Amino acid sequence: MTRQTLSKILRPIVTLVVMILVWWAITAFTSLPPYMLPSPVTVAQALVAQQQTLIGATATTFSEIILGLAAGTILGMALALAMVFSPLLQRWLMPLLLLSQAIPVFALAPLLVLWFGFGMASKVVMAVLVIFFPVTASFFDGLRRVDIGWLDLARTMNASPWAMLRHVRLFAALPAFGSGLRVATAIAPIGAIIGEWVGSSAGLGYVMMNANARIQTDVMFAALSILSVMAIVLWVIVDRVLKRILYWAPDTIGVP
């Protein structure tokens, strides 16, 4: 194992340990009551005591995030491709896309619950609304910023519009798409959790709302810890997959 690999493994572990120690020190050496900030030991005990409930809630929230991420990515790519090929469609769609981001998601959540019910569908739709815009914006920007020299070369070789899209535009836009997908992955849990807060009968957001009503702060922190770990693991997986797919587009800034 090289020193660089060992550093990559130890860096997040050391960061996590330091954060937990600071958290413990705040609870141990201040007069904050446990219902405001429980200690790491109390949260760990809540994780064990509520493990059956938390496992089921984690599975529900994870399913909502994955479905929302997949649907939001497909929708974002489709909208970007449509706007690139049709300037008229771009003029009509762009104001709608901006409007979808200008309206706070909390304002839309009750309507989505009313339209799609308290089940998983409303949470997936909420996640899609949060996710699709970064994918659309980054992919669209990548598609329209292709080197004009590559397009001219493809035209001189009598390439069809479909061939230019497949062999030139898509490959040139993939790095930008990867950046948008990373952002979408990082914010994917937001939509699902907001939907669960507004109205649900399962999920980590539901557990957090119930714990908040009972002033069970340790259970809230336990659910939040699981959500944080899940979001980080999902982002790391997506980042590693993108690096393997985009091996031909190395990072311009190296991370030691």
C-alpha atoms as a PDB file:
ATOM      1  CA  MET A   1       0.000   0.000   0.000  1.00  0.00           C
ATOM      2  CA  THR A   2       1.468   3.310  -1.078  1.00  0.00           C
ATOM      3  CA  ARG A   3       1.679   6.380   1.136  1.00  0.00           C
ATOM      4  CA  GLN A   4      -0.851   8.202  -1.065  1.00  0.00           C
ATOM      5  CA  THR A   5      -3.396   5.370  -0.722  1.00  0.00           C
ATOM      6  CA  LEU A   6      -2.839   5.179   3.023  1.00  0.00           C
ATOM      7  CA  SER A   7      -3.340   8.938   3.271  1.00  0.00           C
ATOM      8  CA  LYS A   8      -6.635   8.745   1.381  1.00  0.00           C
ATOM      9  CA  ILE A   9      -7.860   6.051   3.782  1.00  0.00           C
ATOM     10  CA  LEU A  10      -6.699   7.714   6.993  1.00  0.00           C
ATOM     11  CA  ARG A  11      -7.747  11.283   6.142  1.00  0.00           C
ATOM     12  CA  PRO A  12     -11.534  10.752   6.439  1.00  0.00           C
ATOM     13  CA  ILE A  13     -11.085   8.497   9.476  1.00  0.00           C
ATOM     14  CA  VAL A  14      -9.024  11.119  11.301  1.00  0.00           C
ATOM     15  CA  THR A  15     -11.502  13.832  10.343  1.00  0.00           C
ATOM     16  CA  LEU A  16     -14.412  11.770  11.678  1.00  0.00           C
ATOM     17  CA  VAL A  17     -12.608  10.963  14.929  1.00  0.00           C
ATOM     18  CA  VAL A  18     -11.741  14.632  15.499  1.00  0.00           C
ATOM     19  CA  MET A  19     -15.344  15.682  14.859  1.00  0.00           C
ATOM     20  CA  ILE A  20     -16.653  13.094  17.334  1.00  0.00           C
ATOM     21  CA  LEU A  21     -14.098  14.170  19.952  1.00  0.00           C
ATOM     22  CA  VAL A  22     -15.080  17.816  19.552  1.00  0.00           C
ATOM     23  CA  TRP A  23     -18.736  16.839  19.793  1.00  0.00           C
ATOM     24  CA  TRP A  24     -18.053  14.822  22.968  1.00  0.00           C
ATOM     25  CA  ALA A  25     -16.031  17.671  24.491  1.00  0.00           C
ATOM     26  CA  ILE A  26     -18.870  20.135  23.903  1.00  0.00           C
ATOM     27  CA  THR A  27     -21.365  17.849  25.642  1.00  0.00           C
ATOM     28  CA  ALA A  28     -18.976  16.962  28.472  1.00  0.00           C
ATOM     29  CA  PHE A  29     -17.595  20.387  29.354  1.00  0.00           C
ATOM     30  CA  THR A  30     -20.603  22.628  28.752  1.00  0.00           C
ATOM     31  CA  SER A  31     -23.952  22.921  30.459  1.00  0.00           C
ATOM     32  CA  LEU A  32     -25.986  22.094  27.358  1.00  0.00           C
ATOM     33  CA  PRO A  33     -28.893  19.800  28.306  1.00  0.00           C
ATOM     34  CA  PRO A  34     -29.078  16.418  26.524  1.00  0.00           C
ATOM     35  CA  TYR A  35     -32.329  17.332  24.762  1.00  0.00           C
ATOM     36  CA  MET A  36     -30.441  20.117  22.947  1.00  0.00           C
ATOM     37  CA  LEU A  37     -27.242  18.229  22.139  1.00  0.00           C
ATOM     38  CA  PRO A  38     -26.927  14.558  23.107  1.00  0.00           C
ATOM     39  CA  SER A  39     -23.503  13.024  23.533  1.00  0.00           C
ATOM     40  CA  PRO A  40     -22.042  10.628  20.947  1.00  0.00           C
ATOM     41  CA  VAL A  41     -22.449   7.783  23.469  1.00  0.00           C
ATOM     42  CA  THR A  42     -26.164   8.520  23.827  1.00  0.00           C
ATOM     43  CA  VAL A  43     -26.609   8.623  20.068  1.00  0.00           C
ATOM     44  CA  ALA A  44     -24.768   5.311  19.710  1.00  0.00           C
ATOM     45  CA  GLN A  45     -27.083   3.787  22.314  1.00  0.00           C
ATOM     46  CA  ALA A  46     -30.086   5.095  20.383  1.00  0.00           C
ATOM     47  CA  LEU A  47     -28.706   3.504  17.207  1.00  0.00           C
ATOM     48  CA  VAL A  48     -28.606   0.134  18.961  1.00  0.00           C
ATOM     49  CA  ALA A  49     -31.939   0.495  20.743  1.00  0.00           C
ATOM     50  CA  GLN A  50     -33.809   1.666  17.622  1.00  0.00           C
ATOM     51  CA  GLN A  51     -31.951  -0.457  15.091  1.00  0.00           C
ATOM     52  CA  GLN A  52     -35.015  -2.275  13.737  1.00  0.00           C
ATOM     53  CA  THR A  53     -36.917   0.967  13.168  1.00  0.00           C
ATOM     54  CA  LEU A  54     -33.873   2.709  11.707  1.00  0.00           C
ATOM     55  CA  ILE A  55     -33.051  -0.165   9.343  1.00  0.00           C
ATOM     56  CA  GLY A  56     -36.533  -0.088   7.834  1.00  0.00           C
ATOM     57  CA  ALA A  57     -36.513   3.713   7.608  1.00  0.00           C
ATOM     58  CA  THR A  58     -33.081   3.677   5.972  1.00  0.00           C
ATOM     59  CA  ALA A  59     -34.244   1.209   3.326  1.00  0.00           C
ATOM     60  CA  THR A  60     -37.249   3.409   2.522  1.00  0.00           C
ATOM     61  CA  THR A  61     -35.262   6.648   2.263  1.00  0.00           C
ATOM     62  CA  PHE A  62     -32.480   4.989   0.273  1.00  0.00           C
ATOM     63  CA  SER A  63     -35.010   3.642  -2.242  1.00  0.00           C
ATOM     64  CA  GLU A  64     -36.527   7.105  -2.630  1.00  0.00           C
ATOM     65  CA  ILE A  65     -33.101   8.674  -3.181  1.00  0.00           C
ATOM     66  CA  ILE A  66     -31.999   6.085  -5.751  1.00  0.00           C
ATOM     67  CA  LEU A  67     -35.250   6.272  -7.717  1.00  0.00           C
ATOM     68  CA  GLY A  68     -35.227  10.074  -7.594  1.00  0.00           C
ATOM     69  CA  LEU A  69     -31.593  10.226  -8.679  1.00  0.00           C
ATOM     70  CA  ALA A  70     -32.165   7.860 -11.593  1.00  0.00           C
ATOM     71  CA  ALA A  71     -35.342   9.592 -12.778  1.00  0.00           C
ATOM     72  CA  GLY A  72     -33.876  13.068 -12.272  1.00  0.00           C
ATOM     73  CA  THR A  73     -30.743  12.182 -14.223  1.00  0.00           C
ATOM     74  CA  ILE A  74     -32.720  10.774 -17.144  1.00  0.00           C
ATOM     75  CA  LEU A  75     -35.042  13.785 -17.171  1.00  0.00           C
ATOM     76  CA  GLY A  76     -32.116  16.221 -16.978  1.00  0.00           C
ATOM     77  CA  MET A  77     -30.281  14.554 -19.862  1.00  0.00           C
ATOM     78  CA  ALA A  78     -33.428  14.462 -21.993  1.00  0.00           C
ATOM     79  CA  LEU A  79     -34.153  18.153 -21.425  1.00  0.00           C
ATOM     80  CA  ALA A  80     -30.554  19.128 -22.203  1.00  0.00           C
ATOM     81  CA  LEU A  81     -30.555  17.158 -25.457  1.00  0.00           C
ATOM     82  CA  ALA A  82     -33.917  18.619 -26.450  1.00  0.00           C
ATOM     83  CA  MET A  83     -32.730  22.199 -25.873  1.00  0.00           C
ATOM     84  CA  VAL A  84     -29.504  21.642 -27.811  1.00  0.00           C
ATOM     85  CA  PHE A  85     -31.298  20.290 -30.891  1.00  0.00           C
ATOM     86  CA  SER A  86     -34.168  22.779 -30.835  1.00  0.00           C
ATOM     87  CA  PRO A  87     -33.431  26.469 -30.152  1.00  0.00           C
ATOM     88  CA  LEU A  88     -37.181  27.108 -30.205  1.00  0.00           C
ATOM     89  CA  LEU A  89     -37.715  24.493 -27.511  1.00  0.00           C
ATOM     90  CA  GLN A  90     -34.843  25.986 -25.544  1.00  0.00           C
ATOM     91  CA  ARG A  91     -36.541  29.404 -25.505  1.00  0.00           C
ATOM     92  CA  TRP A  92     -39.726  27.833 -24.155  1.00  0.00           C
ATOM     93  CA  LEU A  93     -38.138  25.427 -21.666  1.00  0.00           C
ATOM     94  CA  MET A  94     -35.467  27.606 -20.082  1.00  0.00           C
ATOM     95  CA  PRO A  95     -37.919  29.960 -18.289  1.00  0.00           C
ATOM     96  CA  LEU A  96     -39.803  26.914 -16.973  1.00  0.00           C
ATOM     97  CA  LEU A  97     -36.583  25.358 -15.693  1.00  0.00           C
ATOM     98  CA  LEU A  98     -35.612  28.564 -13.911  1.00  0.00           C
ATOM     99  CA  LEU A  99     -39.122  28.873 -12.462  1.00  0.00           C
ATOM    100  CA  SER A 100     -38.916  25.326 -11.104  1.00  0.00           C
ATOM    101  CA  GLN A 101     -35.839  26.341  -9.103  1.00  0.00           C
ATOM    102  CA  ALA A 102     -37.180  29.737  -8.026  1.00  0.00           C
ATOM    103  CA  ILE A 103     -40.137  28.176  -6.174  1.00  0.00           C
ATOM    104  CA  PRO A 104     -39.026  26.852  -2.744  1.00  0.00           C
ATOM    105  CA  VAL A 105     -39.308  23.081  -2.506  1.00  0.00           C
ATOM    106  CA  PHE A 106     -41.056  23.404   0.847  1.00  0.00           C
ATOM    107  CA  ALA A 107     -43.873  25.239  -0.948  1.00  0.00           C
ATOM    108  CA  LEU A 108     -44.268  22.402  -3.445  1.00  0.00           C
ATOM    109  CA  ALA A 109     -44.005  19.528  -0.974  1.00  0.00           C
ATOM    110  CA  PRO A 110     -47.581  19.772   0.401  1.00  0.00           C
ATOM    111  CA  LEU A 111     -48.976  19.888  -3.131  1.00  0.00           C
ATOM    112  CA  LEU A 112     -46.963  16.844  -4.187  1.00  0.00           C
ATOM    113  CA  VAL A 113     -48.178  14.931  -1.146  1.00  0.00           C
ATOM    114  CA  LEU A 114     -51.742  15.936  -2.028  1.00  0.00           C
ATOM    115  CA  TRP A 115     -51.343  14.883  -5.674  1.00  0.00           C
ATOM    116  CA  PHE A 116     -49.234  11.725  -5.265  1.00  0.00           C
ATOM    117  CA  GLY A 117     -50.185  10.617  -1.747  1.00  0.00           C
ATOM    118  CA  PHE A 118     -48.219   9.828   1.409  1.00  0.00           C
ATOM    119  CA  GLY A 119     -46.347   6.945  -0.204  1.00  0.00           C
ATOM    120  CA  MET A 120     -43.028   6.799  -1.992  1.00  0.00           C
ATOM    121  CA  ALA A 121     -44.213   8.481  -5.209  1.00  0.00           C
ATOM    122  CA  SER A 122     -44.405  12.009  -3.769  1.00  0.00           C
ATOM    123  CA  LYS A 123     -40.910  11.692  -2.255  1.00  0.00           C
ATOM    124  CA  VAL A 124     -39.426  10.461  -5.523  1.00  0.00           C
ATOM    125  CA  VAL A 125     -41.023  13.352  -7.409  1.00  0.00           C
ATOM    126  CA  MET A 126     -39.668  15.798  -4.835  1.00  0.00           C
ATOM    127  CA  ALA A 127     -36.190  14.302  -5.221  1.00  0.00           C
ATOM    128  CA  VAL A 128     -36.466  14.590  -9.007  1.00  0.00           C
ATOM    129  CA  LEU A 129     -37.341  18.291  -8.727  1.00  0.00           C
ATOM    130  CA  VAL A 130     -34.247  18.886  -6.617  1.00  0.00           C
ATOM    131  CA  ILE A 131     -31.922  16.737  -8.726  1.00  0.00           C
ATOM    132  CA  PHE A 132     -32.743  17.317 -12.380  1.00  0.00           C
ATOM    133  CA  PHE A 133     -31.689  20.972 -12.686  1.00  0.00           C
ATOM    134  CA  PRO A 134     -27.937  20.511 -11.946  1.00  0.00           C
ATOM    135  CA  VAL A 135     -27.850  17.649 -14.439  1.00  0.00           C
ATOM    136  CA  THR A 136     -29.739  19.635 -17.071  1.00  0.00           C
ATOM    137  CA  ALA A 137     -27.661  22.786 -16.662  1.00  0.00           C
ATOM    138  CA  SER A 138     -24.267  21.056 -16.685  1.00  0.00           C
ATOM    139  CA  PHE A 139     -25.063  18.648 -19.519  1.00  0.00           C
ATOM    140  CA  PHE A 140     -26.607  21.393 -21.660  1.00  0.00           C
ATOM    141  CA  ASP A 141     -23.581  23.620 -21.087  1.00  0.00           C
ATOM    142  CA  GLY A 142     -21.250  20.779 -22.015  1.00  0.00           C
ATOM    143  CA  LEU A 143     -23.187  19.956 -25.184  1.00  0.00           C
ATOM    144  CA  ARG A 144     -23.154  23.513 -26.502  1.00  0.00           C
ATOM    145  CA  ARG A 145     -19.504  24.207 -25.650  1.00  0.00           C
ATOM    146  CA  VAL A 146     -18.022  21.536 -27.893  1.00  0.00           C
ATOM    147  CA  ASP A 147     -14.851  22.604 -29.693  1.00  0.00           C
ATOM    148  CA  ILE A 148     -15.985  24.006 -33.045  1.00  0.00           C
ATOM    149  CA  GLY A 149     -12.959  22.406 -34.696  1.00  0.00           C
ATOM    150  CA  TRP A 150     -14.225  18.926 -33.803  1.00  0.00           C
ATOM    151  CA  LEU A 151     -17.632  19.712 -35.293  1.00  0.00           C
ATOM    152  CA  ASP A 152     -16.070  21.095 -38.484  1.00  0.00           C
ATOM    153  CA  LEU A 153     -13.937  17.978 -38.807  1.00  0.00           C
ATOM    154  CA  ALA A 154     -17.022  15.771 -38.411  1.00  0.00           C
ATOM    155  CA  ARG A 155     -18.860  17.779 -41.085  1.00  0.00           C
ATOM    156  CA  THR A 156     -15.976  17.412 -43.535  1.00  0.00           C
ATOM    157  CA  MET A 157     -16.270  13.655 -43.024  1.00  0.00           C
ATOM    158  CA  ASN A 158     -19.992  13.867 -43.904  1.00  0.00           C
ATOM    159  CA  ALA A 159     -21.081  12.851 -40.431  1.00  0.00           C
ATOM    160  CA  SER A 160     -24.817  12.875 -39.820  1.00  0.00           C
ATOM    161  CA  PRO A 161     -26.280  14.903 -36.930  1.00  0.00           C
ATOM    162  CA  TRP A 162     -26.820  11.638 -35.025  1.00  0.00           C
ATOM    163  CA  ALA A 163     -23.208  10.585 -35.611  1.00  0.00           C
ATOM    164  CA  MET A 164     -21.944  14.010 -34.495  1.00  0.00           C
ATOM    165  CA  LEU A 165     -24.023  13.721 -31.334  1.00  0.00           C
ATOM    166  CA  ARG A 166     -22.892  10.194 -30.575  1.00  0.00           C
ATOM    167  CA  HIS A 167     -19.199  10.501 -31.395  1.00  0.00           C
ATOM    168  CA  VAL A 168     -18.426  14.177 -30.724  1.00  0.00           C
ATOM    169  CA  ARG A 169     -20.946  16.086 -28.644  1.00  0.00           C
ATOM    170  CA  LEU A 170     -21.707  13.405 -26.056  1.00  0.00           C
ATOM    171  CA  PHE A 171     -18.067  12.583 -25.359  1.00  0.00           C
ATOM    172  CA  ALA A 172     -17.147  16.254 -25.136  1.00  0.00           C
ATOM    173  CA  ALA A 173     -20.036  16.926 -22.720  1.00  0.00           C
ATOM    174  CA  LEU A 174     -19.429  13.943 -20.421  1.00  0.00           C
ATOM    175  CA  PRO A 175     -17.018  15.741 -18.040  1.00  0.00           C
ATOM    176  CA  ALA A 176     -19.549  18.547 -17.521  1.00  0.00           C
ATOM    177  CA  PHE A 177     -22.304  15.970 -17.087  1.00  0.00           C
ATOM    178  CA  GLY A 178     -20.175  14.212 -14.469  1.00  0.00           C
ATOM    179  CA  SER A 179     -19.842  17.430 -12.489  1.00  0.00           C
ATOM    180  CA  GLY A 180     -23.601  17.958 -12.558  1.00  0.00           C
ATOM    181  CA  LEU A 181     -24.242  14.358 -11.525  1.00  0.00           C
ATOM    182  CA  ARG A 182     -21.904  14.723  -8.544  1.00  0.00           C
ATOM    183  CA  VAL A 183     -23.812  17.815  -7.407  1.00  0.00           C
ATOM    184  CA  ALA A 184     -27.130  16.016  -7.931  1.00  0.00           C
ATOM    185  CA  THR A 185     -25.911  13.056  -5.871  1.00  0.00           C
ATOM    186  CA  ALA A 186     -24.851  15.315  -3.013  1.00  0.00           C
ATOM    187  CA  ILE A 187     -28.247  17.042  -2.828  1.00  0.00           C
ATOM    188  CA  ALA A 188     -30.359  13.968  -3.635  1.00  0.00           C
ATOM    189  CA  PRO A 189     -31.307  13.275   0.016  1.00  0.00           C
ATOM    190  CA  ILE A 190     -32.762  16.789   0.393  1.00  0.00           C
ATOM    191  CA  GLY A 191     -35.837  16.165  -1.737  1.00  0.00           C
ATOM    192  CA  ALA A 192     -36.632  12.796  -0.158  1.00  0.00           C
ATOM    193  CA  ILE A 193     -36.239  14.074   3.400  1.00  0.00           C
ATOM    194  CA  ILE A 194     -38.312  17.209   2.768  1.00  0.00           C
ATOM    195  CA  GLY A 195     -41.077  15.055   1.335  1.00  0.00           C
ATOM    196  CA  GLU A 196     -40.965  12.810   4.399  1.00  0.00           C
ATOM    197  CA  TRP A 197     -41.094  15.807   6.714  1.00  0.00           C
ATOM    198  CA  VAL A 198     -44.208  17.189   5.046  1.00  0.00           C
ATOM    199  CA  GLY A 199     -46.133  13.947   4.979  1.00  0.00           C
ATOM    200  CA  SER A 200     -45.115  10.302   5.185  1.00  0.00           C
ATOM    201  CA  SER A 201     -45.506   7.117   7.163  1.00  0.00           C
ATOM    202  CA  ALA A 202     -41.959   5.767   6.780  1.00  0.00           C
ATOM    203  CA  GLY A 203     -38.370   6.852   6.200  1.00  0.00           C
ATOM    204  CA  LEU A 204     -35.640   8.629   8.121  1.00  0.00           C
ATOM    205  CA  GLY A 205     -37.427  11.963   7.803  1.00  0.00           C
ATOM    206  CA  TYR A 206     -40.526  10.403   9.370  1.00  0.00           C
ATOM    207  CA  VAL A 207     -38.414   9.023  12.229  1.00  0.00           C
ATOM    208  CA  MET A 208     -36.841  12.442  12.777  1.00  0.00           C
ATOM    209  CA  MET A 209     -40.226  14.196  12.882  1.00  0.00           C
ATOM    210  CA  ASN A 210     -41.629  11.701  15.376  1.00  0.00           C
ATOM    211  CA  ALA A 211     -38.507  11.947  17.531  1.00  0.00           C
ATOM    212  CA  ASN A 212     -38.690  15.736  17.431  1.00  0.00           C
ATOM    213  CA  ALA A 213     -42.308  15.662  18.629  1.00  0.00           C
ATOM    214  CA  ARG A 214     -41.237  13.461  21.571  1.00  0.00           C
ATOM    215  CA  ILE A 215     -38.048  15.490  22.226  1.00  0.00           C
ATOM    216  CA  GLN A 216     -35.970  12.371  21.551  1.00  0.00           C
ATOM    217  CA  THR A 217     -32.960  14.267  20.270  1.00  0.00           C
ATOM    218  CA  ASP A 218     -30.731  11.209  20.456  1.00  0.00           C
ATOM    219  CA  VAL A 219     -32.974   9.372  17.980  1.00  0.00           C
ATOM    220  CA  MET A 220     -32.983  12.435  15.710  1.00  0.00           C
ATOM    221  CA  PHE A 221     -29.173  12.501  15.725  1.00  0.00           C
ATOM    222  CA  ALA A 222     -29.073   8.751  15.087  1.00  0.00           C
ATOM    223  CA  ALA A 223     -31.276   9.117  11.998  1.00  0.00           C
ATOM    224  CA  LEU A 224     -29.265  12.138  10.861  1.00  0.00           C
ATOM    225  CA  SER A 225     -26.017  10.201  11.261  1.00  0.00           C
ATOM    226  CA  ILE A 226     -27.329   7.366   9.102  1.00  0.00           C
ATOM    227  CA  LEU A 227     -28.504   9.847   6.478  1.00  0.00           C
ATOM    228  CA  SER A 228     -25.090  11.547   6.422  1.00  0.00           C
ATOM    229  CA  VAL A 229     -23.223   8.264   6.032  1.00  0.00           C
ATOM    230  CA  MET A 230     -25.619   7.142   3.304  1.00  0.00           C
ATOM    231  CA  ALA A 231     -25.181  10.395   1.379  1.00  0.00           C
ATOM    232  CA  ILE A 232     -21.375  10.241   1.625  1.00  0.00           C
ATOM    233  CA  VAL A 233     -21.205   6.592   0.538  1.00  0.00           C
ATOM    234  CA  LEU A 234     -23.526   7.254  -2.412  1.00  0.00           C
ATOM    235  CA  TRP A 235     -21.442  10.247  -3.512  1.00  0.00           C
ATOM    236  CA  VAL A 236     -18.196   8.254  -3.261  1.00  0.00           C
ATOM    237  CA  ILE A 237     -19.666   5.430  -5.358  1.00  0.00           C
ATOM    238  CA  VAL A 238     -20.878   7.824  -8.059  1.00  0.00           C
ATOM    239  CA  ASP A 239     -17.549   9.669  -8.030  1.00  0.00           C
ATOM    240  CA  ARG A 240     -15.562   6.424  -8.417  1.00  0.00           C
ATOM    241  CA  VAL A 241     -17.807   5.203 -11.240  1.00  0.00           C
ATOM    242  CA  LEU A 242     -17.471   8.525 -13.078  1.00  0.00           C
ATOM    243  CA  LYS A 243     -13.689   8.461 -12.706  1.00  0.00           C
ATOM    244  CA  ARG A 244     -13.581   5.006 -14.275  1.00  0.00           C
ATOM    245  CA  ILE A 245     -15.875   6.016 -17.128  1.00  0.00           C
ATOM    246  CA  LEU A 246     -14.106   9.350 -17.707  1.00  0.00           C
ATOM    247  CA  TYR A 247     -10.578   7.993 -17.388  1.00  0.00           C
ATOM    248  CA  TRP A 248      -9.686   9.852 -20.582  1.00  0.00           C
ATOM    249  CA  ALA A 249     -10.584  13.191 -18.967  1.00  0.00           C
ATOM    250  CA  PRO A 250      -8.211  13.476 -15.988  1.00  0.00           C
ATOM    251  CA  ASP A 251      -8.689  16.089 -13.290  1.00  0.00           C
ATOM    252  CA  THR A 252      -6.889  19.347 -13.988  1.00  0.00           C
ATOM    253  CA  ILE A 253      -6.216  19.831 -10.281  1.00  0.00           C
ATOM    254  CA  GLY A 254      -4.581  16.933  -8.537  1.00  0.00           C
ATOM    255  CA  VAL A 255      -5.489  16.084  -4.947  1.00  0.00           C
ATOM    256  CA  PRO A 256      -2.481  14.861  -2.955  1.00  0.00           C
END
